[in-house]
Amino acid sequence: MPQPFPDPDNRNPLTLPDGTRHQGTVFLRAAIDHPRIEVGEYSYASAHEPPDDWAASLAPYLYPHSPEKLIIGRFCQIADGVQFITASANHRHDGFSTYPFAVFDGGFAEGRASLPGPGRDTQLGHDIWIGEGARILPGAVIGSGAIVGAGAVVGGHVPPYSVVTGNPGRTRRRRFTSETIARLLEVAWWDWPIGDILTHETAICDADLTALERAAACVGAR
């Protein structure tokens, strides 16, 4: 019999065979307390050497006073060494100098000329797998179901259910046909209660879209 699925607010949800909790895997919603980061239920990150501060490790340039946000949906999977380079890492590059003079004399609140304007939020949809060492650039929008390859450098808009690799990251292919992707986005299984998701785990993981759509009708009818 499978054990009960971990609560989404359980910081270390992975139990090893010896009964101990794996300290290098965390549900991010439980591990991060940062005013500019929003994380959906069951999204997790893993690290070979777990950091003391998961927010600083994942998004080192996102400060409590930053104007932008990092938004991560449900059921995302983030491998070791992934970093989100959010908009507060930017320098101005439209003038004669890129140097951030105001940073060094406390000029943040003054809107000084050497500071860039507010940047866009970085947004992840649901059920996204980001491979080891990937870099997500400021303002990237990654669609649900996408896979980002190890070491990829990704910016801009990544369509749902795409596979992105390389530097610069390029969409190599779609995981499914456009019709199937549209149907999957309509099903939106990640919005279901966890009990219903586990009940229909086989349909989700075996790509049985007909069974998944039948299940969605039942879940939605409650």
C-alpha atoms as a PDB file:
ATOM      1  CA  MET A   1       0.000   0.000   0.000  1.00  0.00           C
ATOM      2  CA  PRO A   2       1.349   3.466  -0.857  1.00  0.00           C
ATOM      3  CA  GLN A   3       1.923   5.862   1.988  1.00  0.00           C
ATOM      4  CA  PRO A   4      -0.264   8.968   2.260  1.00  0.00           C
ATOM      5  CA  PHE A   5       0.898  11.678  -0.108  1.00  0.00           C
ATOM      6  CA  PRO A   6       2.876  14.366   1.732  1.00  0.00           C
ATOM      7  CA  ASP A   7       1.127  17.533   2.769  1.00  0.00           C
ATOM      8  CA  PRO A   8       2.098  20.446   0.470  1.00  0.00           C
ATOM      9  CA  ASP A   9       3.312  22.359   3.532  1.00  0.00           C
ATOM     10  CA  ASN A  10       5.731  19.569   4.478  1.00  0.00           C
ATOM     11  CA  ARG A  11       9.198  21.056   4.022  1.00  0.00           C
ATOM     12  CA  ASN A  12      11.001  17.738   3.390  1.00  0.00           C
ATOM     13  CA  PRO A  13       8.463  15.463   1.697  1.00  0.00           C
ATOM     14  CA  LEU A  14      10.779  12.689   0.493  1.00  0.00           C
ATOM     15  CA  THR A  15      11.245   9.745   2.866  1.00  0.00           C
ATOM     16  CA  LEU A  16      14.295   7.557   2.240  1.00  0.00           C
ATOM     17  CA  PRO A  17      14.253   3.752   2.627  1.00  0.00           C
ATOM     18  CA  ASP A  18      15.806   4.047   6.109  1.00  0.00           C
ATOM     19  CA  GLY A  19      12.908   6.242   7.237  1.00  0.00           C
ATOM     20  CA  THR A  20      14.834   9.529   7.310  1.00  0.00           C
ATOM     21  CA  ARG A  21      13.804  12.629   5.399  1.00  0.00           C
ATOM     22  CA  HIS A  22      15.904  13.699   2.436  1.00  0.00           C
ATOM     23  CA  GLN A  23      17.157  17.143   3.405  1.00  0.00           C
ATOM     24  CA  GLY A  24      18.081  18.025  -0.168  1.00  0.00           C
ATOM     25  CA  THR A  25      14.516  17.869  -1.491  1.00  0.00           C
ATOM     26  CA  VAL A  26      11.964  20.453  -0.394  1.00  0.00           C
ATOM     27  CA  PHE A  27       8.458  21.497  -1.218  1.00  0.00           C
ATOM     28  CA  LEU A  28       9.269  25.096  -2.047  1.00  0.00           C
ATOM     29  CA  ARG A  29       6.104  26.591  -0.623  1.00  0.00           C
ATOM     30  CA  ALA A  30       7.153  25.309   2.805  1.00  0.00           C
ATOM     31  CA  ALA A  31      10.853  26.125   2.407  1.00  0.00           C
ATOM     32  CA  ILE A  32      10.596  29.697   1.104  1.00  0.00           C
ATOM     33  CA  ASP A  33       9.397  32.763   2.969  1.00  0.00           C
ATOM     34  CA  HIS A  34      10.033  35.634   0.584  1.00  0.00           C
ATOM     35  CA  PRO A  35       7.667  38.520  -0.198  1.00  0.00           C
ATOM     36  CA  ARG A  36       8.425  38.437  -3.938  1.00  0.00           C
ATOM     37  CA  ILE A  37       8.185  34.680  -4.542  1.00  0.00           C
ATOM     38  CA  GLU A  38       4.920  32.811  -5.058  1.00  0.00           C
ATOM     39  CA  VAL A  39       4.989  29.005  -5.274  1.00  0.00           C
ATOM     40  CA  GLY A  40       2.138  26.595  -5.921  1.00  0.00           C
ATOM     41  CA  GLU A  41       1.494  23.391  -4.025  1.00  0.00           C
ATOM     42  CA  TYR A  42       3.755  20.354  -4.547  1.00  0.00           C
ATOM     43  CA  SER A  43       6.439  22.167  -6.543  1.00  0.00           C
ATOM     44  CA  TYR A  44       9.809  20.961  -5.319  1.00  0.00           C
ATOM     45  CA  ALA A  45      13.519  21.662  -5.684  1.00  0.00           C
ATOM     46  CA  SER A  46      16.455  19.346  -5.082  1.00  0.00           C
ATOM     47  CA  ALA A  47      20.092  20.080  -4.248  1.00  0.00           C
ATOM     48  CA  HIS A  48      23.107  17.848  -3.657  1.00  0.00           C
ATOM     49  CA  GLU A  49      24.097  20.179  -0.826  1.00  0.00           C
ATOM     50  CA  PRO A  50      20.930  21.832   0.476  1.00  0.00           C
ATOM     51  CA  PRO A  51      21.286  25.584   0.992  1.00  0.00           C
ATOM     52  CA  ASP A  52      20.421  27.356   4.204  1.00  0.00           C
ATOM     53  CA  ASP A  53      18.322  29.818   2.198  1.00  0.00           C
ATOM     54  CA  TRP A  54      16.456  28.252  -0.714  1.00  0.00           C
ATOM     55  CA  ALA A  55      15.113  31.598  -1.927  1.00  0.00           C
ATOM     56  CA  ALA A  56      18.593  33.114  -2.160  1.00  0.00           C
ATOM     57  CA  SER A  57      19.945  29.992  -3.851  1.00  0.00           C
ATOM     58  CA  LEU A  58      17.244  29.889  -6.527  1.00  0.00           C
ATOM     59  CA  ALA A  59      16.789  33.626  -7.093  1.00  0.00           C
ATOM     60  CA  PRO A  60      19.898  35.402  -5.780  1.00  0.00           C
ATOM     61  CA  TYR A  61      19.013  38.801  -7.284  1.00  0.00           C
ATOM     62  CA  LEU A  62      15.423  38.919  -6.071  1.00  0.00           C
ATOM     63  CA  TYR A  63      15.367  41.160  -3.012  1.00  0.00           C
ATOM     64  CA  PRO A  64      12.515  41.919  -0.608  1.00  0.00           C
ATOM     65  CA  HIS A  65      12.296  45.413  -2.113  1.00  0.00           C
ATOM     66  CA  SER A  66      12.429  44.222  -5.747  1.00  0.00           C
ATOM     67  CA  PRO A  67       9.507  45.363  -7.908  1.00  0.00           C
ATOM     68  CA  GLU A  68       9.278  42.078  -9.816  1.00  0.00           C
ATOM     69  CA  LYS A  69       8.129  38.645  -8.675  1.00  0.00           C
ATOM     70  CA  LEU A  70       9.068  35.030  -9.285  1.00  0.00           C
ATOM     71  CA  ILE A  71       5.884  33.009  -9.754  1.00  0.00           C
ATOM     72  CA  ILE A  72       6.024  29.200  -9.841  1.00  0.00           C
ATOM     73  CA  GLY A  73       2.940  27.061 -10.454  1.00  0.00           C
ATOM     74  CA  ARG A  74       1.966  23.670  -9.023  1.00  0.00           C
ATOM     75  CA  PHE A  75       3.892  20.399  -9.452  1.00  0.00           C
ATOM     76  CA  CYS A  76       7.049  21.998 -10.887  1.00  0.00           C
ATOM     77  CA  GLN A  77      10.340  20.092 -10.537  1.00  0.00           C
ATOM     78  CA  ILE A  78      13.565  22.058 -10.156  1.00  0.00           C
ATOM     79  CA  ALA A  79      16.916  20.280 -10.264  1.00  0.00           C
ATOM     80  CA  ASP A  80      20.191  21.090  -8.537  1.00  0.00           C
ATOM     81  CA  GLY A  81      21.938  24.309  -9.548  1.00  0.00           C
ATOM     82  CA  VAL A  82      18.993  25.979 -11.272  1.00  0.00           C
ATOM     83  CA  GLN A  83      18.936  29.764 -10.923  1.00  0.00           C
ATOM     84  CA  PHE A  84      16.346  32.368 -11.792  1.00  0.00           C
ATOM     85  CA  ILE A  85      18.115  35.548 -12.866  1.00  0.00           C
ATOM     86  CA  THR A  86      15.304  37.980 -12.121  1.00  0.00           C
ATOM     87  CA  ALA A  87      14.958  41.538 -13.379  1.00  0.00           C
ATOM     88  CA  SER A  88      16.669  43.172 -10.395  1.00  0.00           C
ATOM     89  CA  ALA A  89      19.936  41.712 -11.707  1.00  0.00           C
ATOM     90  CA  ASN A  90      19.722  44.011 -14.729  1.00  0.00           C
ATOM     91  CA  HIS A  91      21.818  47.101 -15.389  1.00  0.00           C
ATOM     92  CA  ARG A  92      20.850  49.946 -17.675  1.00  0.00           C
ATOM     93  CA  HIS A  93      22.385  49.486 -21.104  1.00  0.00           C
ATOM     94  CA  ASP A  94      20.734  52.302 -23.047  1.00  0.00           C
ATOM     95  CA  GLY A  95      23.046  55.082 -21.836  1.00  0.00           C
ATOM     96  CA  PHE A  96      26.785  55.742 -21.933  1.00  0.00           C
ATOM     97  CA  SER A  97      27.515  53.623 -18.840  1.00  0.00           C
ATOM     98  CA  THR A  98      26.076  50.425 -17.432  1.00  0.00           C
ATOM     99  CA  TYR A  99      27.491  51.155 -13.954  1.00  0.00           C
ATOM    100  CA  PRO A 100      24.880  51.190 -11.123  1.00  0.00           C
ATOM    101  CA  PHE A 101      26.207  54.207  -9.205  1.00  0.00           C
ATOM    102  CA  ALA A 102      23.109  54.452  -6.982  1.00  0.00           C
ATOM    103  CA  VAL A 103      23.591  50.949  -5.609  1.00  0.00           C
ATOM    104  CA  PHE A 104      26.689  51.990  -3.686  1.00  0.00           C
ATOM    105  CA  ASP A 105      25.393  55.066  -1.894  1.00  0.00           C
ATOM    106  CA  GLY A 106      21.908  53.970  -0.875  1.00  0.00           C
ATOM    107  CA  GLY A 107      20.093  55.524  -3.807  1.00  0.00           C
ATOM    108  CA  PHE A 108      17.516  52.793  -4.382  1.00  0.00           C
ATOM    109  CA  ALA A 109      14.497  54.801  -3.262  1.00  0.00           C
ATOM    110  CA  GLU A 110      15.395  57.907  -5.235  1.00  0.00           C
ATOM    111  CA  GLY A 111      14.830  56.576  -8.726  1.00  0.00           C
ATOM    112  CA  ARG A 112      18.317  57.622  -9.759  1.00  0.00           C
ATOM    113  CA  ALA A 113      19.361  57.623 -13.406  1.00  0.00           C
ATOM    114  CA  SER A 114      21.820  54.747 -13.005  1.00  0.00           C
ATOM    115  CA  LEU A 115      19.064  52.331 -11.916  1.00  0.00           C
ATOM    116  CA  PRO A 116      17.023  50.420 -14.491  1.00  0.00           C
ATOM    117  CA  GLY A 117      13.256  50.645 -14.468  1.00  0.00           C
ATOM    118  CA  PRO A 118      11.134  47.825 -13.044  1.00  0.00           C
ATOM    119  CA  GLY A 119      11.361  44.592 -14.999  1.00  0.00           C
ATOM    120  CA  ARG A 120       8.789  41.930 -15.762  1.00  0.00           C
ATOM    121  CA  ASP A 121       7.864  39.072 -13.468  1.00  0.00           C
ATOM    122  CA  THR A 122       9.372  35.649 -14.168  1.00  0.00           C
ATOM    123  CA  GLN A 123       6.524  33.153 -14.450  1.00  0.00           C
ATOM    124  CA  LEU A 124       6.343  29.372 -14.539  1.00  0.00           C
ATOM    125  CA  GLY A 125       3.154  27.491 -15.278  1.00  0.00           C
ATOM    126  CA  HIS A 126       2.432  24.021 -13.885  1.00  0.00           C
ATOM    127  CA  ASP A 127       4.189  20.638 -14.174  1.00  0.00           C
ATOM    128  CA  ILE A 128       7.438  22.102 -15.538  1.00  0.00           C
ATOM    129  CA  TRP A 129      10.706  20.181 -15.266  1.00  0.00           C
ATOM    130  CA  ILE A 130      13.870  22.322 -15.163  1.00  0.00           C
ATOM    131  CA  GLY A 131      17.094  20.345 -15.544  1.00  0.00           C
ATOM    132  CA  GLU A 132      20.318  20.715 -13.595  1.00  0.00           C
ATOM    133  CA  GLY A 133      22.176  23.990 -13.889  1.00  0.00           C
ATOM    134  CA  ALA A 134      19.644  25.756 -16.108  1.00  0.00           C
ATOM    135  CA  ARG A 135      19.434  29.546 -16.029  1.00  0.00           C
ATOM    136  CA  ILE A 136      16.086  31.275 -16.409  1.00  0.00           C
ATOM    137  CA  LEU A 137      16.490  34.875 -17.561  1.00  0.00           C
ATOM    138  CA  PRO A 138      14.566  37.965 -16.390  1.00  0.00           C
ATOM    139  CA  GLY A 139      10.938  38.070 -17.444  1.00  0.00           C
ATOM    140  CA  ALA A 140      10.836  34.553 -18.875  1.00  0.00           C
ATOM    141  CA  VAL A 141       7.390  32.971 -19.154  1.00  0.00           C
ATOM    142  CA  ILE A 142       7.460  29.174 -19.297  1.00  0.00           C
ATOM    143  CA  GLY A 143       4.270  27.390 -20.237  1.00  0.00           C
ATOM    144  CA  SER A 144       2.798  24.438 -18.386  1.00  0.00           C
ATOM    145  CA  GLY A 145       4.232  21.019 -19.198  1.00  0.00           C
ATOM    146  CA  ALA A 146       7.506  22.377 -20.585  1.00  0.00           C
ATOM    147  CA  ILE A 147      10.872  20.685 -20.105  1.00  0.00           C
ATOM    148  CA  VAL A 148      14.025  22.820 -19.815  1.00  0.00           C
ATOM    149  CA  GLY A 149      17.195  20.842 -20.496  1.00  0.00           C
ATOM    150  CA  ALA A 150      20.203  20.762 -18.196  1.00  0.00           C
ATOM    151  CA  GLY A 151      22.410  23.810 -18.616  1.00  0.00           C
ATOM    152  CA  ALA A 152      19.943  25.639 -20.853  1.00  0.00           C
ATOM    153  CA  VAL A 153      19.733  29.437 -20.727  1.00  0.00           C
ATOM    154  CA  VAL A 154      16.123  30.382 -21.275  1.00  0.00           C
ATOM    155  CA  GLY A 155      14.445  33.722 -21.817  1.00  0.00           C
ATOM    156  CA  GLY A 156      11.318  35.013 -23.491  1.00  0.00           C
ATOM    157  CA  HIS A 157       8.203  32.907 -23.884  1.00  0.00           C
ATOM    158  CA  VAL A 158       8.324  29.107 -23.869  1.00  0.00           C
ATOM    159  CA  PRO A 159       5.124  27.552 -25.221  1.00  0.00           C
ATOM    160  CA  PRO A 160       3.335  24.889 -23.162  1.00  0.00           C
ATOM    161  CA  TYR A 161       4.655  21.329 -23.516  1.00  0.00           C
ATOM    162  CA  SER A 162       7.830  22.436 -25.299  1.00  0.00           C
ATOM    163  CA  VAL A 163      11.308  20.953 -24.891  1.00  0.00           C
ATOM    164  CA  VAL A 164      13.947  23.713 -24.616  1.00  0.00           C
ATOM    165  CA  THR A 165      17.703  23.073 -24.725  1.00  0.00           C
ATOM    166  CA  GLY A 166      20.948  24.933 -25.317  1.00  0.00           C
ATOM    167  CA  ASN A 167      22.382  28.427 -24.913  1.00  0.00           C
ATOM    168  CA  PRO A 168      20.529  30.405 -26.018  1.00  0.00           C
ATOM    169  CA  GLY A 169      17.669  28.098 -25.195  1.00  0.00           C
ATOM    170  CA  ARG A 170      15.658  27.073 -28.234  1.00  0.00           C
ATOM    171  CA  THR A 171      12.439  25.147 -28.522  1.00  0.00           C
ATOM    172  CA  ARG A 172      13.514  21.878 -30.140  1.00  0.00           C
ATOM    173  CA  ARG A 173      10.109  20.278 -30.359  1.00  0.00           C
ATOM    174  CA  ARG A 174       6.676  20.062 -28.850  1.00  0.00           C
ATOM    175  CA  ARG A 175       5.973  17.099 -26.650  1.00  0.00           C
ATOM    176  CA  PHE A 176       2.543  16.550 -28.218  1.00  0.00           C
ATOM    177  CA  THR A 177       0.441  17.799 -31.117  1.00  0.00           C
ATOM    178  CA  SER A 178      -1.233  21.204 -30.903  1.00  0.00           C
ATOM    179  CA  GLU A 179      -4.631  19.518 -30.532  1.00  0.00           C
ATOM    180  CA  THR A 180      -3.419  17.333 -27.662  1.00  0.00           C
ATOM    181  CA  ILE A 181      -1.797  20.303 -25.920  1.00  0.00           C
ATOM    182  CA  ALA A 182      -5.021  22.301 -26.135  1.00  0.00           C
ATOM    183  CA  ARG A 183      -6.965  19.380 -24.651  1.00  0.00           C
ATOM    184  CA  LEU A 184      -4.409  18.941 -21.854  1.00  0.00           C
ATOM    185  CA  LEU A 185      -4.575  22.627 -20.952  1.00  0.00           C
ATOM    186  CA  GLU A 186      -8.347  22.317 -20.829  1.00  0.00           C
ATOM    187  CA  VAL A 187      -8.136  19.276 -18.537  1.00  0.00           C
ATOM    188  CA  ALA A 188      -5.672  21.153 -16.247  1.00  0.00           C
ATOM    189  CA  TRP A 189      -5.187  18.141 -13.986  1.00  0.00           C
ATOM    190  CA  TRP A 190      -2.822  20.148 -11.743  1.00  0.00           C
ATOM    191  CA  ASP A 191      -5.830  22.071 -10.421  1.00  0.00           C
ATOM    192  CA  TRP A 192      -7.514  18.902  -9.142  1.00  0.00           C
ATOM    193  CA  PRO A 193      -7.389  17.859  -5.479  1.00  0.00           C
ATOM    194  CA  ILE A 194      -4.377  15.648  -4.832  1.00  0.00           C
ATOM    195  CA  GLY A 195      -6.575  12.624  -4.123  1.00  0.00           C
ATOM    196  CA  ASP A 196      -8.124  12.810  -7.599  1.00  0.00           C
ATOM    197  CA  ILE A 197      -4.710  13.264  -9.183  1.00  0.00           C
ATOM    198  CA  LEU A 198      -3.395  10.126  -7.497  1.00  0.00           C
ATOM    199  CA  THR A 199      -6.525   8.188  -8.449  1.00  0.00           C
ATOM    200  CA  HIS A 200      -5.855   9.002 -12.095  1.00  0.00           C
ATOM    201  CA  GLU A 201      -2.054   8.828 -11.926  1.00  0.00           C
ATOM    202  CA  THR A 202      -1.952   6.081 -14.570  1.00  0.00           C
ATOM    203  CA  ALA A 203      -3.921   8.124 -17.087  1.00  0.00           C
ATOM    204  CA  ILE A 204      -1.686  11.138 -16.485  1.00  0.00           C
ATOM    205  CA  CYS A 205       1.621   9.285 -16.698  1.00  0.00           C
ATOM    206  CA  ASP A 206       0.628   6.877 -19.488  1.00  0.00           C
ATOM    207  CA  ALA A 207      -0.699   9.749 -21.651  1.00  0.00           C
ATOM    208  CA  ASP A 208      -4.226   8.313 -21.805  1.00  0.00           C
ATOM    209  CA  LEU A 209      -5.983  11.527 -22.781  1.00  0.00           C
ATOM    210  CA  THR A 210      -9.405   9.929 -23.284  1.00  0.00           C
ATOM    211  CA  ALA A 211      -9.368   8.529 -19.750  1.00  0.00           C
ATOM    212  CA  LEU A 212      -8.082  11.846 -18.432  1.00  0.00           C
ATOM    213  CA  GLU A 213     -10.903  13.783 -20.062  1.00  0.00           C
ATOM    214  CA  ARG A 214     -13.451  11.355 -18.610  1.00  0.00           C
ATOM    215  CA  ALA A 215     -11.883  11.862 -15.198  1.00  0.00           C
ATOM    216  CA  ALA A 216     -11.932  15.639 -15.630  1.00  0.00           C
ATOM    217  CA  ALA A 217     -15.669  15.508 -16.299  1.00  0.00           C
ATOM    218  CA  CYS A 218     -16.205  13.586 -13.056  1.00  0.00           C
ATOM    219  CA  VAL A 219     -13.951  15.856 -11.006  1.00  0.00           C
ATOM    220  CA  GLY A 220     -15.620  18.968 -12.415  1.00  0.00           C
ATOM    221  CA  ALA A 221     -19.090  17.602 -11.740  1.00  0.00           C
ATOM    222  CA  ARG A 222     -18.564  17.450  -7.972  1.00  0.00           C
END
